[in-house]
PDB file of all heavy atoms in Angstrom:
ATOM      1  N   ALA A   1      -5.938  10.985 -12.599  1.00  0.00           N
ATOM      2  CA  ALA A   1      -4.703  11.253 -11.986  1.00  0.00           C
ATOM      3  C   ALA A   1      -4.919  11.611 -10.571  1.00  0.00           C
ATOM      4  O   ALA A   1      -4.222  11.213  -9.627  1.00  0.00           O
ATOM      5  CB  ALA A   1      -3.966  12.413 -12.720  1.00  0.00           C
ATOM      6  N   ARG A   2      -5.999  12.432 -10.310  1.00  0.00           N
ATOM      7  CA  ARG A   2      -6.316  12.749  -8.856  1.00  0.00           C
ATOM      8  C   ARG A   2      -6.695  11.567  -8.074  1.00  0.00           C
ATOM      9  O   ARG A   2      -6.414  11.516  -6.894  1.00  0.00           O
ATOM     10  CB  ARG A   2      -7.472  13.877  -8.910  1.00  0.00           C
ATOM     11  CG  ARG A   2      -7.003  15.240  -9.353  1.00  0.00           C
ATOM     12  CD  ARG A   2      -8.103  16.211  -9.242  1.00  0.00           C
ATOM     13  NE  ARG A   2      -7.758  17.544  -9.666  1.00  0.00           N
ATOM     14  CZ  ARG A   2      -8.590  18.611  -9.677  1.00  0.00           C
ATOM     15  NH1 ARG A   2      -9.827  18.458  -9.316  1.00  0.00           N
ATOM     16  NH2 ARG A   2      -8.099  19.791 -10.042  1.00  0.00           N
ATOM     17  N   ASP A   3      -7.474  10.689  -8.729  1.00  0.00           N
ATOM     18  CA  ASP A   3      -7.852   9.492  -7.968  1.00  0.00           C
ATOM     19  C   ASP A   3      -6.620   8.682  -7.631  1.00  0.00           C
ATOM     20  O   ASP A   3      -6.571   8.087  -6.482  1.00  0.00           O
ATOM     21  CB  ASP A   3      -8.833   8.630  -8.807  1.00  0.00           C
ATOM     22  CG  ASP A   3     -10.174   9.264  -8.983  1.00  0.00           C
ATOM     23  OD1 ASP A   3     -10.492  10.137  -8.253  1.00  0.00           O
ATOM     24  OD2 ASP A   3     -10.855   8.880  -9.932  1.00  0.00           O
ATOM     25  N   ARG A   4      -5.693   8.501  -8.507  1.00  0.00           N
ATOM     26  CA  ARG A   4      -4.501   7.807  -8.237  1.00  0.00           C
ATOM     27  C   ARG A   4      -3.699   8.396  -7.114  1.00  0.00           C
ATOM     28  O   ARG A   4      -3.157   7.766  -6.234  1.00  0.00           O
ATOM     29  CB  ARG A   4      -3.552   7.544  -9.494  1.00  0.00           C
ATOM     30  CG  ARG A   4      -4.233   6.558 -10.459  1.00  0.00           C
ATOM     31  CD  ARG A   4      -3.141   6.177 -11.505  1.00  0.00           C
ATOM     32  NE  ARG A   4      -2.774   7.386 -12.333  1.00  0.00           N
ATOM     33  CZ  ARG A   4      -3.383   7.716 -13.433  1.00  0.00           C
ATOM     34  NH1 ARG A   4      -4.317   7.053 -13.952  1.00  0.00           N
ATOM     35  NH2 ARG A   4      -2.891   8.762 -14.120  1.00  0.00           N
ATOM     36  N   GLU A   5      -3.559   9.787  -7.217  1.00  0.00           N
ATOM     37  CA  GLU A   5      -2.868  10.462  -6.152  1.00  0.00           C
ATOM     38  C   GLU A   5      -3.551  10.303  -4.754  1.00  0.00           C
ATOM     39  O   GLU A   5      -2.865  10.156  -3.777  1.00  0.00           O
ATOM     40  CB  GLU A   5      -2.787  11.957  -6.541  1.00  0.00           C
ATOM     41  CG  GLU A   5      -1.984  12.829  -5.565  1.00  0.00           C
ATOM     42  CD  GLU A   5      -1.889  14.281  -5.938  1.00  0.00           C
ATOM     43  OE1 GLU A   5      -2.266  14.566  -7.129  1.00  0.00           O
ATOM     44  OE2 GLU A   5      -1.451  15.070  -5.174  1.00  0.00           O
ATOM     45  N   ARG A   6      -4.912  10.361  -4.780  1.00  0.00           N
ATOM     46  CA  ARG A   6      -5.588  10.197  -3.542  1.00  0.00           C
ATOM     47  C   ARG A   6      -5.389   8.786  -2.957  1.00  0.00           C
ATOM     48  O   ARG A   6      -5.185   8.635  -1.756  1.00  0.00           O
ATOM     49  CB  ARG A   6      -7.131  10.425  -3.762  1.00  0.00           C
ATOM     50  CG  ARG A   6      -7.908  10.514  -2.429  1.00  0.00           C
ATOM     51  CD  ARG A   6      -9.419  10.825  -2.716  1.00  0.00           C
ATOM     52  NE  ARG A   6      -9.535  12.075  -3.312  1.00  0.00           N
ATOM     53  CZ  ARG A   6      -9.944  12.279  -4.609  1.00  0.00           C
ATOM     54  NH1 ARG A   6     -10.219  11.184  -5.347  1.00  0.00           N
ATOM     55  NH2 ARG A   6     -10.093  13.466  -5.114  1.00  0.00           N
ATOM     56  N   ALA A   7      -5.444   7.796  -3.867  1.00  0.00           N
ATOM     57  CA  ALA A   7      -5.219   6.458  -3.449  1.00  0.00           C
ATOM     58  C   ALA A   7      -3.812   6.241  -2.942  1.00  0.00           C
ATOM     59  O   ALA A   7      -3.593   5.544  -1.903  1.00  0.00           O
ATOM     60  CB  ALA A   7      -5.495   5.473  -4.585  1.00  0.00           C
ATOM     61  N   GLY A   8      -2.824   6.921  -3.538  1.00  0.00           N
ATOM     62  CA  GLY A   8      -1.400   6.815  -3.075  1.00  0.00           C
ATOM     63  C   GLY A   8      -1.307   7.447  -1.619  1.00  0.00           C
ATOM     64  O   GLY A   8      -0.610   6.909  -0.819  1.00  0.00           O
ATOM     65  N   ASP A   9      -1.970   8.609  -1.426  1.00  0.00           N
ATOM     66  CA  ASP A   9      -1.937   9.236  -0.092  1.00  0.00           C
ATOM     67  C   ASP A   9      -2.505   8.365   0.903  1.00  0.00           C
ATOM     68  O   ASP A   9      -1.966   8.205   2.072  1.00  0.00           O
ATOM     69  CB  ASP A   9      -2.630  10.600  -0.208  1.00  0.00           C
ATOM     70  CG  ASP A   9      -1.891  11.634  -0.991  1.00  0.00           C
ATOM     71  OD1 ASP A   9      -0.654  11.400  -1.237  1.00  0.00           O
ATOM     72  OD2 ASP A   9      -2.535  12.577  -1.395  1.00  0.00           O
ATOM     73  N   GLN A  10      -3.613   7.692   0.602  1.00  0.00           N
ATOM     74  CA  GLN A  10      -4.278   6.797   1.611  1.00  0.00           C
ATOM     75  C   GLN A  10      -3.478   5.595   1.924  1.00  0.00           C
ATOM     76  O   GLN A  10      -3.364   5.143   3.060  1.00  0.00           O
ATOM     77  CB  GLN A  10      -5.628   6.429   1.022  1.00  0.00           C
ATOM     78  CG  GLN A  10      -6.672   7.487   0.928  1.00  0.00           C
ATOM     79  CD  GLN A  10      -7.994   7.055   0.198  1.00  0.00           C
ATOM     80  OE1 GLN A  10      -8.036   6.043  -0.443  1.00  0.00           O
ATOM     81  NE2 GLN A  10      -9.022   7.843   0.409  1.00  0.00           N
ATOM     82  N   SER A  11      -2.739   5.070   0.888  1.00  0.00           N
ATOM     83  CA  SER A  11      -1.858   3.967   1.123  1.00  0.00           C
ATOM     84  C   SER A  11      -0.699   4.304   2.015  1.00  0.00           C
ATOM     85  O   SER A  11      -0.361   3.554   2.971  1.00  0.00           O
ATOM     86  CB  SER A  11      -1.353   3.431  -0.222  1.00  0.00           C
ATOM     87  OG  SER A  11      -0.402   2.432   0.004  1.00  0.00           O
ATOM     88  N   ARG A  12      -0.134   5.514   1.831  1.00  0.00           N
ATOM     89  CA  ARG A  12       0.979   5.934   2.593  1.00  0.00           C
ATOM     90  C   ARG A  12       0.527   6.193   4.068  1.00  0.00           C
ATOM     91  O   ARG A  12       1.216   5.837   5.037  1.00  0.00           O
ATOM     92  CB  ARG A  12       1.675   7.227   2.051  1.00  0.00           C
ATOM     93  CG  ARG A  12       2.484   6.964   0.869  1.00  0.00           C
ATOM     94  CD  ARG A  12       3.275   8.246   0.453  1.00  0.00           C
ATOM     95  NE  ARG A  12       2.465   9.226  -0.069  1.00  0.00           N
ATOM     96  CZ  ARG A  12       2.015   9.340  -1.287  1.00  0.00           C
ATOM     97  NH1 ARG A  12       2.450   8.471  -2.242  1.00  0.00           N
ATOM     98  NH2 ARG A  12       1.241  10.328  -1.727  1.00  0.00           N
ATOM     99  N   GLN A  13      -0.662   6.745   4.217  1.00  0.00           N
ATOM    100  CA  GLN A  13      -1.180   7.014   5.523  1.00  0.00           C
ATOM    101  C   GLN A  13      -1.443   5.715   6.284  1.00  0.00           C
ATOM    102  O   GLN A  13      -1.210   5.583   7.509  1.00  0.00           O
ATOM    103  CB  GLN A  13      -2.443   7.837   5.437  1.00  0.00           C
ATOM    104  CG  GLN A  13      -2.208   9.304   5.030  1.00  0.00           C
ATOM    105  CD  GLN A  13      -3.510  10.036   4.770  1.00  0.00           C
ATOM    106  OE1 GLN A  13      -4.621   9.468   4.861  1.00  0.00           O
ATOM    107  NE2 GLN A  13      -3.483  11.319   4.362  1.00  0.00           N
ATOM    108  N   GLY A  14      -1.945   4.725   5.523  1.00  0.00           N
ATOM    109  CA  GLY A  14      -2.231   3.399   6.141  1.00  0.00           C
ATOM    110  C   GLY A  14      -0.977   2.728   6.582  1.00  0.00           C
ATOM    111  O   GLY A  14      -0.914   2.174   7.651  1.00  0.00           O
ATOM    112  N   SER A  15       0.075   2.801   5.758  1.00  0.00           N
ATOM    113  CA  SER A  15       1.386   2.266   6.135  1.00  0.00           C
ATOM    114  C   SER A  15       1.950   2.904   7.362  1.00  0.00           C
ATOM    115  O   SER A  15       2.552   2.273   8.238  1.00  0.00           O
ATOM    116  CB  SER A  15       2.379   2.354   4.954  1.00  0.00           C
ATOM    117  OG  SER A  15       1.896   1.564   3.791  1.00  0.00           O
ATOM    118  N   GLN A  16       1.803   4.248   7.400  1.00  0.00           N
ATOM    119  CA  GLN A  16       2.369   5.020   8.553  1.00  0.00           C
ATOM    120  C   GLN A  16       1.643   4.569   9.812  1.00  0.00           C
ATOM    121  O   GLN A  16       2.219   4.420  10.843  1.00  0.00           O
ATOM    122  CB  GLN A  16       2.222   6.432   8.285  1.00  0.00           C
ATOM    123  CG  GLN A  16       2.755   7.342   9.363  1.00  0.00           C
ATOM    124  CD  GLN A  16       2.524   8.831   9.083  1.00  0.00           C
ATOM    125  OE1 GLN A  16       1.388   9.306   8.939  1.00  0.00           O
ATOM    126  NE2 GLN A  16       3.589   9.585   9.148  1.00  0.00           N
ATOM    127  N   SER A  17       0.278   4.405   9.667  1.00  0.00           N
ATOM    128  CA  SER A  17      -0.450   3.994  10.857  1.00  0.00           C
ATOM    129  C   SER A  17      -0.004   2.586  11.387  1.00  0.00           C
ATOM    130  O   SER A  17       0.049   2.345  12.606  1.00  0.00           O
ATOM    131  CB  SER A  17      -2.003   4.001  10.566  1.00  0.00           C
ATOM    132  OG  SER A  17      -2.426   5.276  10.316  1.00  0.00           O
ATOM    133  N   VAL A  18       0.185   1.727  10.409  1.00  0.00           N
ATOM    134  CA  VAL A  18       0.624   0.360  10.744  1.00  0.00           C
ATOM    135  C   VAL A  18       1.994   0.476  11.530  1.00  0.00           C
ATOM    136  O   VAL A  18       2.201  -0.206  12.574  1.00  0.00           O
ATOM    137  CB  VAL A  18       0.743  -0.522   9.560  1.00  0.00           C
ATOM    138  CG1 VAL A  18       1.479  -1.885   9.917  1.00  0.00           C
ATOM    139  CG2 VAL A  18      -0.612  -0.835   9.014  1.00  0.00           C
ATOM    140  N   ARG A  19       2.935   1.213  10.963  1.00  0.00           N
ATOM    141  CA  ARG A  19       4.224   1.338  11.563  1.00  0.00           C
ATOM    142  C   ARG A  19       4.113   1.949  13.030  1.00  0.00           C
ATOM    143  O   ARG A  19       4.811   1.474  13.886  1.00  0.00           O
ATOM    144  CB  ARG A  19       5.170   2.213  10.759  1.00  0.00           C
ATOM    145  CG  ARG A  19       5.714   1.539   9.444  1.00  0.00           C
ATOM    146  CD  ARG A  19       6.823   2.286   8.858  1.00  0.00           C
ATOM    147  NE  ARG A  19       6.467   3.654   8.459  1.00  0.00           N
ATOM    148  CZ  ARG A  19       5.914   3.944   7.306  1.00  0.00           C
ATOM    149  NH1 ARG A  19       5.797   3.012   6.411  1.00  0.00           N
ATOM    150  NH2 ARG A  19       5.742   5.156   7.022  1.00  0.00           N
ATOM    151  N   ARG A  20       3.309   2.931  13.136  1.00  0.00           N
ATOM    152  CA  ARG A  20       3.164   3.542  14.429  1.00  0.00           C
ATOM    153  C   ARG A  20       2.521   2.647  15.440  1.00  0.00           C
ATOM    154  O   ARG A  20       2.950   2.561  16.614  1.00  0.00           O
ATOM    155  CB  ARG A  20       2.250   4.827  14.304  1.00  0.00           C
ATOM    156  CG  ARG A  20       2.957   6.044  13.593  1.00  0.00           C
ATOM    157  CD  ARG A  20       1.978   7.208  13.480  1.00  0.00           C
ATOM    158  NE  ARG A  20       2.688   8.374  13.115  1.00  0.00           N
ATOM    159  CZ  ARG A  20       2.059   9.539  12.835  1.00  0.00           C
ATOM    160  NH1 ARG A  20       0.734   9.581  12.821  1.00  0.00           N
ATOM    161  NH2 ARG A  20       2.741  10.614  12.458  1.00  0.00           N
ATOM    162  N   ALA A  21       1.526   1.849  15.028  1.00  0.00           N
ATOM    163  CA  ALA A  21       0.874   0.872  15.933  1.00  0.00           C
ATOM    164  C   ALA A  21       1.904  -0.163  16.406  1.00  0.00           C
ATOM    165  O   ALA A  21       1.894  -0.481  17.565  1.00  0.00           O
ATOM    166  CB  ALA A  21      -0.285   0.214  15.209  1.00  0.00           C
ATOM    167  N   LEU A  22       2.709  -0.654  15.424  1.00  0.00           N
ATOM    168  CA  LEU A  22       3.696  -1.714  15.822  1.00  0.00           C
ATOM    169  C   LEU A  22       4.741  -1.059  16.695  1.00  0.00           C
ATOM    170  O   LEU A  22       5.206  -1.742  17.661  1.00  0.00           O
ATOM    171  CB  LEU A  22       4.361  -2.265  14.561  1.00  0.00           C
ATOM    172  CG  LEU A  22       3.445  -3.109  13.626  1.00  0.00           C
ATOM    173  CD1 LEU A  22       4.145  -3.493  12.404  1.00  0.00           C
ATOM    174  CD2 LEU A  22       3.005  -4.314  14.364  1.00  0.00           C
ATOM    175  N   ASP A  23       5.183   0.194  16.489  1.00  0.00           N
ATOM    176  CA  ASP A  23       6.072   0.817  17.383  1.00  0.00           C
ATOM    177  C   ASP A  23       5.486   0.978  18.839  1.00  0.00           C
ATOM    178  O   ASP A  23       6.235   0.779  19.803  1.00  0.00           O
ATOM    179  CB  ASP A  23       6.466   2.224  16.867  1.00  0.00           C
ATOM    180  CG  ASP A  23       7.379   2.116  15.692  1.00  0.00           C
ATOM    181  OD1 ASP A  23       8.051   1.058  15.489  1.00  0.00           O
ATOM    182  OD2 ASP A  23       7.549   3.088  14.936  1.00  0.00           O
ATOM    183  N   LEU A  24       4.210   1.275  18.888  1.00  0.00           N
ATOM    184  CA  LEU A  24       3.556   1.367  20.204  1.00  0.00           C
ATOM    185  C   LEU A  24       3.499  -0.040  20.914  1.00  0.00           C
ATOM    186  O   LEU A  24       3.674  -0.078  22.108  1.00  0.00           O
ATOM    187  CB  LEU A  24       2.158   1.903  20.045  1.00  0.00           C
ATOM    188  CG  LEU A  24       2.011   3.417  19.657  1.00  0.00           C
ATOM    189  CD1 LEU A  24       0.555   3.900  19.788  1.00  0.00           C
ATOM    190  CD2 LEU A  24       2.932   4.278  20.495  1.00  0.00           C
ATOM    191  N   LEU A  25       3.249  -1.013  20.129  1.00  0.00           N
ATOM    192  CA  LEU A  25       3.214  -2.391  20.676  1.00  0.00           C
ATOM    193  C   LEU A  25       4.569  -2.684  21.292  1.00  0.00           C
ATOM    194  O   LEU A  25       4.686  -3.311  22.365  1.00  0.00           O
ATOM    195  CB  LEU A  25       2.878  -3.381  19.610  1.00  0.00           C
ATOM    196  CG  LEU A  25       2.619  -4.841  20.068  1.00  0.00           C
ATOM    197  CD1 LEU A  25       1.558  -4.888  21.089  1.00  0.00           C
ATOM    198  CD2 LEU A  25       2.264  -5.680  18.838  1.00  0.00           C
ATOM    199  N   SER A  26       5.723  -2.374  20.573  1.00  0.00           N
ATOM    200  CA  SER A  26       7.008  -2.596  21.119  1.00  0.00           C
ATOM    201  C   SER A  26       7.292  -1.755  22.388  1.00  0.00           C
ATOM    202  O   SER A  26       7.888  -2.242  23.371  1.00  0.00           O
ATOM    203  CB  SER A  26       8.090  -2.246  20.050  1.00  0.00           C
ATOM    204  OG  SER A  26       7.975  -3.093  18.957  1.00  0.00           O
ATOM    205  N   LEU A  27       6.724  -0.516  22.372  1.00  0.00           N
ATOM    206  CA  LEU A  27       6.934   0.336  23.510  1.00  0.00           C
ATOM    207  C   LEU A  27       6.229  -0.279  24.769  1.00  0.00           C
ATOM    208  O   LEU A  27       6.808  -0.328  25.846  1.00  0.00           O
ATOM    209  CB  LEU A  27       6.370   1.757  23.214  1.00  0.00           C
ATOM    210  CG  LEU A  27       6.418   2.724  24.330  1.00  0.00           C
ATOM    211  CD1 LEU A  27       7.819   3.014  24.722  1.00  0.00           C
ATOM    212  CD2 LEU A  27       5.637   3.977  23.891  1.00  0.00           C
ATOM    213  N   ILE A  28       4.956  -0.693  24.558  1.00  0.00           N
ATOM    214  CA  ILE A  28       4.252  -1.310  25.638  1.00  0.00           C
ATOM    215  C   ILE A  28       5.003  -2.559  26.189  1.00  0.00           C
ATOM    216  O   ILE A  28       5.003  -2.817  27.387  1.00  0.00           O
ATOM    217  CB  ILE A  28       2.805  -1.647  25.218  1.00  0.00           C
ATOM    218  CG1 ILE A  28       2.033  -0.437  24.899  1.00  0.00           C
ATOM    219  CG2 ILE A  28       2.064  -2.473  26.364  1.00  0.00           C
ATOM    220  CD1 ILE A  28       1.853   0.580  26.054  1.00  0.00           C
ATOM    221  N   ALA A  29       5.497  -3.338  25.191  1.00  0.00           N
ATOM    222  CA  ALA A  29       6.198  -4.563  25.636  1.00  0.00           C
ATOM    223  C   ALA A  29       7.379  -4.222  26.517  1.00  0.00           C
ATOM    224  O   ALA A  29       7.677  -5.027  27.417  1.00  0.00           O
ATOM    225  CB  ALA A  29       6.710  -5.361  24.399  1.00  0.00           C
ATOM    226  N   ALA A  30       8.073  -3.185  26.203  1.00  0.00           N
ATOM    227  CA  ALA A  30       9.241  -2.740  27.010  1.00  0.00           C
ATOM    228  C   ALA A  30       8.838  -2.401  28.451  1.00  0.00           C
ATOM    229  O   ALA A  30       9.650  -2.528  29.388  1.00  0.00           O
ATOM    230  CB  ALA A  30       9.998  -1.699  26.335  1.00  0.00           C
ATOM    231  N   TRP A  31       7.633  -1.910  28.597  1.00  0.00           N
ATOM    232  CA  TRP A  31       7.197  -1.406  29.938  1.00  0.00           C
ATOM    233  C   TRP A  31       6.196  -2.386  30.571  1.00  0.00           C
ATOM    234  O   TRP A  31       5.705  -2.135  31.653  1.00  0.00           O
ATOM    235  CB  TRP A  31       6.436  -0.038  29.727  1.00  0.00           C
ATOM    236  CG  TRP A  31       7.437   1.117  29.569  1.00  0.00           C
ATOM    237  CD1 TRP A  31       7.993   1.537  28.358  1.00  0.00           C
ATOM    238  CD2 TRP A  31       7.976   1.981  30.568  1.00  0.00           C
ATOM    239  NE1 TRP A  31       8.743   2.626  28.616  1.00  0.00           N
ATOM    240  CE2 TRP A  31       8.810   2.875  29.921  1.00  0.00           C
ATOM    241  CE3 TRP A  31       7.752   2.072  31.939  1.00  0.00           C
ATOM    242  CZ2 TRP A  31       9.542   3.845  30.562  1.00  0.00           C
ATOM    243  CZ3 TRP A  31       8.456   3.065  32.660  1.00  0.00           C
ATOM    244  CH2 TRP A  31       9.327   3.930  31.972  1.00  0.00           C
TER     245      TRP A  31
END
């Protein structure tokens, strides 16, 4: 159960990083 929870946390963190990176790419494009 702990392994699944840890894997879920890592997946959410990875998704958040991807979204943030794409948002930064849009920000740079605007400037």
